[in-house]
Amino acid sequence: MLRCWLRLLTWNFVLAFHAEVLSARDWFVNNRGGDDTFSGQIEQTGTLDGPVRTITRALRMAGAGDRIVLANSGEPYRESVSLVGGPHSGLPGHPFVIEGNGATLEGRAIIPPEAWESYHGAVFRFSPRRLAYQQLYLNNKPALRHPTPRGGALPKLAPLEWFLDGGYLYFRIEDERMIDDYALSCAGEKTGVTAYKVHDVVIQNLTIQGFQIDGIQVHDSVECLVGGVVSRGNGRTGIAVVGASRATLDRCVLGDNAEAQLLVAYPARATVLECDLLPKAAPPIINRGGQVEVDGKPFTE
C-alpha cells in the first residue's frame, strides 16, 4: 500500500513538472508597435492584439520557465527592469529567458541646455538627479572623464572633459562654442537589469547602456547565464555579481563603464568565457573577495 502511494506521489510530481514545462510561454515585446493592454502572446503588430509595449509589463505577466522576447525595433527600450523570485526563475533544463534580439536597453536622460549654469570661464555645471555614480554622454558616446583629484579641489579640465563633485557635474566647452552647441545626456535610471533571488535565468543578445550604477546587477542568491550582451557606458560597472550569486558571462563585451567593467564581491562567483572587457575607462575586473575564473583560469589582480 505504501509502495503504491509513493508511486502515485512520484507520478503526480512528474506530471505536475511536465505540465509546468508545457505551460511555459513566450511573451512578445515591441516598443514601437506594441501596447500594454495587449495580451503579449502574439508577435505581429498592427492587429487588435499583439505584443506589449514594455518589458516591465511582460515580466508582470510571466511565469517560471517563460521567455521574454524583445523586438529590435531600432528604438531603445527606455526602462529599468527587475527579475525577482520564482515567477522569473527557470525550471531544470528549461530556463527563464530574456531574448534581446540585439535591442538596446537605454538608461540615459537628455540634459537640456538651460539646465547648465556658467561656473568659471569655459566650465559649466549641472546638478543631476542621481549623484552616487554618473556618466556624461557627448553625441551618444561617453565623454572623457577627468581623474578624481586628491584634496577635493576642482581639477583643471581640458575642453570636452567632465568631472563629478559636490553634487554637480562639471563640463568644459571648447573655445568659441556655447553649451547649447552640444548634445549632452547623463544617466537617468539606476540599473538596467536587476536579478534578485532567481535561478536558471538566461539574459542574451541585448545592449545595455547609460545607467547610473550597473548595466546588469546580479544581486543576491542568483544563478544565471549572460550571453552575447554588450554593457557599456554605465556609471559603475557593466555587470556586477554580488551576494551569494553565481553568474556565467559568455561572449559579452563590457566597455566604457566608469568604475570597472566587471565587479565581483564576496561570496559571489563569476565565470568569464570569451568576453571582451575593455579597460579604456576603468579596470576590466575588480574582485572584492569573490571567485573569478577567466577562460578556465583563476583571475588574479
Protein backbone atom coordinates (compact mmCIF):
# COMPACT_ATOMS: atom_id res chain seq x y z
CA MET A 1 0.00 0.00 0.00
CA LEU A 2 2.81 2.38 0.94
CA ARG A 3 4.68 1.47 -2.25
CA CYS A 4 1.60 2.28 -4.37
CA TRP A 5 1.15 5.58 -2.57
CA LEU A 6 4.79 6.54 -3.17
CA ARG A 7 4.49 5.58 -6.84
CA LEU A 8 1.34 7.68 -7.20
CA LEU A 9 3.04 10.61 -5.49
CA THR A 10 6.04 10.30 -7.84
CA TRP A 11 3.83 10.22 -10.93
CA ASN A 12 1.85 13.21 -9.70
CA PHE A 13 5.11 15.12 -9.26
CA VAL A 14 6.32 14.13 -12.75
CA LEU A 15 3.01 15.08 -14.35
CA ALA A 16 2.95 18.39 -12.49
CA PHE A 17 6.52 19.14 -13.60
CA HIS A 18 5.79 18.35 -17.25
CA ALA A 19 2.57 20.37 -17.11
CA GLU A 20 4.56 23.32 -15.76
CA VAL A 21 7.13 23.00 -18.54
CA LEU A 22 4.48 22.63 -21.24
CA SER A 23 2.68 25.72 -19.92
CA ALA A 24 5.82 27.89 -20.30
CA ARG A 25 5.06 30.68 -22.76
CA ASP A 26 6.67 33.33 -24.93
CA TRP A 27 5.82 36.95 -24.16
CA PHE A 28 6.46 39.35 -27.03
CA VAL A 29 7.52 42.97 -26.51
CA ASN A 30 7.68 45.71 -29.14
CA ASN A 31 8.23 49.28 -28.01
CA ARG A 32 7.02 50.76 -31.30
CA GLY A 33 4.06 48.66 -32.35
CA GLY A 34 3.08 47.11 -29.02
CA ASP A 35 0.54 48.14 -26.41
CA ASP A 36 0.49 47.22 -22.73
CA THR A 37 -3.24 46.48 -23.00
CA PHE A 38 -2.50 43.64 -25.47
CA SER A 39 -2.08 40.01 -24.43
CA GLY A 40 1.60 39.82 -25.41
CA GLN A 41 1.02 36.36 -26.86
CA ILE A 42 1.15 37.49 -30.49
CA GLU A 43 4.37 38.70 -32.10
CA GLN A 44 2.84 40.59 -35.04
CA THR A 45 1.81 44.22 -34.70
CA GLY A 46 -0.99 46.12 -36.44
CA THR A 47 -3.89 43.93 -35.27
CA LEU A 48 -6.43 44.12 -32.46
CA ASP A 49 -4.00 42.12 -30.33
CA GLY A 50 -0.24 41.75 -30.33
CA PRO A 51 2.93 42.37 -28.30
CA VAL A 52 3.06 44.51 -25.19
CA ARG A 53 5.00 47.76 -25.28
CA THR A 54 7.24 47.44 -22.21
CA ILE A 55 9.46 44.75 -20.74
CA THR A 56 8.05 45.58 -17.30
CA ARG A 57 4.54 44.65 -18.43
CA ALA A 58 5.75 41.35 -19.89
CA LEU A 59 7.54 40.48 -16.63
CA ARG A 60 4.36 41.10 -14.66
CA MET A 61 2.53 38.51 -16.74
CA ALA A 62 5.36 35.97 -17.00
CA GLY A 63 5.79 32.79 -15.01
CA ALA A 64 8.53 30.26 -14.31
CA GLY A 65 10.32 28.98 -17.41
CA ASP A 66 8.83 31.62 -19.74
CA ARG A 67 10.65 33.68 -22.39
CA ILE A 68 10.53 37.46 -22.80
CA VAL A 69 11.19 38.12 -26.50
CA LEU A 70 12.10 41.70 -27.47
CA ALA A 71 11.64 43.11 -30.94
CA ASN A 72 14.66 45.05 -32.19
CA SER A 73 12.60 47.99 -33.41
CA GLY A 74 15.54 50.38 -33.82
CA GLU A 75 14.20 52.39 -30.88
CA PRO A 76 15.84 51.81 -27.46
CA TYR A 77 13.78 50.43 -24.59
CA ARG A 78 13.89 53.21 -22.01
CA GLU A 79 13.18 51.42 -18.75
CA SER A 80 14.79 49.67 -15.82
CA VAL A 81 13.66 46.09 -15.16
CA SER A 82 13.87 43.59 -12.29
CA LEU A 83 13.77 39.80 -12.16
CA VAL A 84 12.58 38.66 -8.74
CA GLY A 85 11.78 35.25 -7.25
CA GLY A 86 10.01 32.18 -8.57
CA PRO A 87 7.94 33.75 -11.38
CA HIS A 88 11.17 34.96 -13.03
CA SER A 89 13.15 31.76 -12.48
CA GLY A 90 13.59 28.77 -14.72
CA LEU A 91 12.97 25.07 -14.34
CA PRO A 92 15.66 22.37 -14.63
CA GLY A 93 16.65 22.28 -18.29
CA HIS A 94 14.10 24.99 -19.09
CA PRO A 95 15.46 28.45 -18.17
CA PHE A 96 13.65 31.74 -17.85
CA VAL A 97 14.97 33.77 -20.80
CA ILE A 98 15.19 37.39 -21.79
CA GLU A 99 15.91 37.30 -25.53
CA GLY A 100 17.09 40.75 -26.65
CA ASN A 101 17.44 40.09 -30.39
CA GLY A 102 20.06 42.86 -30.50
CA ALA A 103 17.79 45.51 -28.98
CA THR A 104 19.10 48.28 -26.69
CA LEU A 105 18.07 48.98 -23.10
CA GLU A 106 18.77 52.68 -22.53
CA GLY A 107 19.15 54.47 -19.19
CA ARG A 108 20.13 57.99 -20.28
CA ALA A 109 18.23 61.25 -19.93
CA ILE A 110 18.86 64.30 -22.13
CA ILE A 111 20.30 67.34 -20.34
CA PRO A 112 18.53 70.45 -21.68
CA PRO A 113 20.87 73.40 -22.34
CA GLU A 114 19.00 75.58 -19.83
CA ALA A 115 19.86 73.12 -17.03
CA TRP A 116 23.54 74.13 -17.23
CA GLU A 117 24.90 77.15 -15.39
CA SER A 118 28.11 79.01 -16.07
CA TYR A 119 30.68 78.22 -13.38
CA HIS A 120 34.04 79.65 -14.40
CA GLY A 121 35.19 80.68 -17.84
CA ALA A 122 34.53 77.81 -20.25
CA VAL A 123 33.41 75.46 -17.45
CA PHE A 124 29.68 74.84 -16.94
CA ARG A 125 27.99 72.77 -14.28
CA PHE A 126 24.73 70.85 -13.87
CA SER A 127 23.18 69.08 -10.86
CA PRO A 128 21.95 65.61 -11.94
CA ARG A 129 19.11 63.81 -10.21
CA ARG A 130 21.34 60.82 -9.42
CA LEU A 131 24.73 61.54 -7.84
CA ALA A 132 26.44 58.47 -6.32
CA TYR A 133 27.71 57.40 -9.75
CA GLN A 134 27.28 59.15 -13.08
CA GLN A 135 28.22 59.09 -16.71
CA LEU A 136 28.17 62.01 -19.13
CA TYR A 137 27.49 61.32 -22.80
CA LEU A 138 28.51 63.62 -25.63
CA ASN A 139 26.90 62.90 -29.01
CA ASN A 140 25.70 59.48 -27.78
CA LYS A 141 29.17 58.39 -26.60
CA PRO A 142 30.71 58.58 -23.11
CA ALA A 143 32.64 61.83 -22.79
CA LEU A 144 36.20 61.91 -21.44
CA ARG A 145 36.14 61.90 -17.64
CA HIS A 146 38.90 63.68 -15.75
CA PRO A 147 40.51 61.58 -12.99
CA THR A 148 39.35 62.38 -9.48
CA PRO A 149 41.95 64.64 -7.81
CA ARG A 150 43.02 64.40 -4.20
CA GLY A 151 42.14 67.10 -1.73
CA GLY A 152 38.72 67.94 -3.14
CA ALA A 153 39.90 70.73 -5.45
CA LEU A 154 38.21 71.10 -8.80
CA PRO A 155 40.61 69.81 -11.48
CA LYS A 156 41.77 71.84 -14.43
CA LEU A 157 39.57 70.45 -17.19
CA ALA A 158 40.62 70.25 -20.82
CA PRO A 159 38.00 71.03 -23.47
CA LEU A 160 35.28 68.33 -23.59
CA GLU A 161 36.36 66.80 -20.26
CA TRP A 162 33.98 66.38 -17.33
CA PHE A 163 34.14 65.76 -13.62
CA LEU A 164 31.62 64.94 -10.84
CA ASP A 165 32.00 66.64 -7.46
CA GLY A 166 29.88 68.07 -4.64
CA GLY A 167 26.52 67.39 -6.28
CA TYR A 168 27.50 68.89 -9.62
CA LEU A 169 28.66 67.56 -12.95
CA TYR A 170 31.23 69.95 -14.48
CA PHE A 171 31.91 70.12 -18.24
CA ARG A 172 34.29 72.33 -20.18
CA ILE A 173 33.25 73.56 -23.60
CA GLU A 174 35.58 74.39 -26.48
CA ASP A 175 36.69 77.90 -27.32
CA GLU A 176 34.17 79.96 -29.30
CA ARG A 177 31.41 77.44 -28.58
CA MET A 178 28.29 77.61 -26.41
CA ILE A 179 26.89 74.94 -24.09
CA ASP A 180 23.82 74.55 -26.29
CA ASP A 181 26.07 73.55 -29.21
CA TYR A 182 26.48 70.12 -27.58
CA ALA A 183 24.15 67.12 -27.40
CA LEU A 184 24.67 66.08 -23.78
CA SER A 185 22.97 63.40 -21.71
CA CYS A 186 23.59 61.60 -18.43
CA ALA A 187 22.44 58.53 -16.53
CA GLY A 188 18.78 58.84 -15.59
CA GLU A 189 17.85 55.32 -14.41
CA LYS A 190 19.66 53.32 -11.73
CA THR A 191 20.28 49.84 -13.16
CA GLY A 192 19.37 48.22 -16.47
CA VAL A 193 18.54 44.69 -15.29
CA THR A 194 18.46 43.67 -11.62
CA ALA A 195 18.29 39.95 -10.79
CA TYR A 196 17.34 39.06 -7.19
CA LYS A 197 16.80 35.55 -5.81
CA VAL A 198 16.25 33.91 -9.19
CA HIS A 199 17.78 30.80 -10.73
CA ASP A 200 18.11 29.17 -14.15
CA VAL A 201 17.96 32.56 -15.87
CA VAL A 202 19.41 33.48 -19.28
CA ILE A 203 19.86 37.10 -20.44
CA GLN A 204 21.13 37.27 -24.00
CA ASN A 205 21.67 39.35 -27.14
CA LEU A 206 21.00 42.72 -25.51
CA THR A 207 22.86 46.05 -25.40
CA ILE A 208 22.59 47.89 -22.07
CA GLN A 209 23.93 51.41 -21.70
CA GLY A 210 23.75 54.70 -19.84
CA PHE A 211 22.59 53.54 -16.39
CA GLN A 212 23.71 55.25 -13.22
CA ILE A 213 25.03 52.18 -11.40
CA ASP A 214 25.24 48.89 -13.33
CA GLY A 215 24.12 47.60 -16.69
CA ILE A 216 23.26 44.25 -15.06
CA GLN A 217 23.29 43.68 -11.31
CA VAL A 218 23.24 40.04 -10.23
CA HIS A 219 22.22 40.96 -6.73
CA ASP A 220 21.75 38.03 -4.36
CA SER A 221 21.12 34.26 -4.46
CA VAL A 222 21.12 34.22 -8.26
CA GLU A 223 22.21 31.60 -10.79
CA CYS A 224 22.29 32.96 -14.33
CA LEU A 225 23.92 32.98 -17.74
CA VAL A 226 24.60 36.27 -19.51
CA GLY A 227 25.34 35.65 -23.18
CA GLY A 228 26.14 37.95 -26.07
CA VAL A 229 25.42 41.07 -24.00
CA VAL A 230 27.05 44.46 -24.62
CA SER A 231 27.04 46.56 -21.44
CA ARG A 232 28.70 49.94 -21.85
CA GLY A 233 28.87 53.47 -20.59
CA ASN A 234 27.32 52.83 -17.17
CA GLY A 235 28.17 54.84 -14.06
CA ARG A 236 29.72 52.00 -12.05
CA THR A 237 30.05 48.68 -13.91
CA GLY A 238 28.89 46.81 -16.96
CA ILE A 239 27.98 43.77 -14.84
CA ALA A 240 28.11 43.39 -11.04
CA VAL A 241 27.91 39.96 -9.41
CA VAL A 242 27.37 40.33 -5.66
CA GLY A 243 25.94 38.39 -2.73
CA ALA A 244 25.60 34.61 -2.81
CA SER A 245 25.30 34.52 -6.61
CA ARG A 246 26.84 32.57 -9.47
CA ALA A 247 26.98 34.03 -12.97
CA THR A 248 28.49 32.88 -16.25
CA LEU A 249 29.38 35.54 -18.82
CA ASP A 250 29.67 34.13 -22.32
CA ARG A 251 30.93 36.22 -25.27
CA CYS A 252 29.98 39.54 -23.69
CA VAL A 253 31.51 42.95 -24.38
CA LEU A 254 31.91 45.33 -21.43
CA GLY A 255 33.47 48.74 -22.01
CA ASP A 256 33.45 52.45 -21.11
CA ASN A 257 31.97 51.75 -17.66
CA ALA A 258 33.23 54.25 -15.11
CA GLU A 259 34.45 52.14 -12.14
CA ALA A 260 35.03 48.65 -13.59
CA GLN A 261 33.82 46.55 -16.48
CA LEU A 262 33.04 43.61 -14.16
CA LEU A 263 32.65 43.77 -10.37
CA VAL A 264 32.56 40.61 -8.25
CA ALA A 265 32.09 40.78 -4.47
CA TYR A 266 32.26 38.08 -1.78
CA PRO A 267 30.88 35.43 -1.75
CA ALA A 268 29.83 35.63 -5.41
CA ARG A 269 31.35 33.54 -8.21
CA ALA A 270 31.75 34.64 -11.83
CA THR A 271 32.87 32.54 -14.79
CA VAL A 272 34.02 34.59 -17.79
CA LEU A 273 34.15 32.90 -21.19
CA GLU A 274 35.47 34.55 -24.37
CA CYS A 275 34.48 38.04 -23.25
CA ASP A 276 35.98 41.42 -24.18
CA LEU A 277 36.49 43.50 -21.02
CA LEU A 278 37.80 46.78 -22.39
CA PRO A 279 39.99 48.64 -19.85
CA LYS A 280 40.00 52.06 -21.54
CA ALA A 281 37.96 53.92 -18.90
CA ALA A 282 38.38 51.63 -15.86
CA PRO A 283 39.89 48.26 -14.83
CA PRO A 284 38.49 45.21 -16.62
CA ILE A 285 37.73 43.39 -13.35
CA ILE A 286 37.51 44.42 -9.71
CA ASN A 287 37.28 41.44 -7.38
CA ARG A 288 36.30 42.15 -3.77
CA GLY A 289 36.79 38.73 -2.25
CA GLY A 290 34.69 36.74 -4.70
CA GLN A 291 35.78 33.94 -7.04
CA VAL A 292 36.50 34.82 -10.66
CA GLU A 293 37.56 32.47 -13.44
CA VAL A 294 38.50 33.79 -16.87
CA ASP A 295 38.65 31.31 -19.76
CA GLY A 296 39.39 28.43 -17.42
CA LYS A 297 41.98 30.19 -15.24
CA PRO A 298 41.57 31.85 -11.82
CA PHE A 299 41.69 35.64 -12.06
CA THR A 300 44.42 37.39 -10.09
CA GLU A 301 44.77 41.18 -10.00
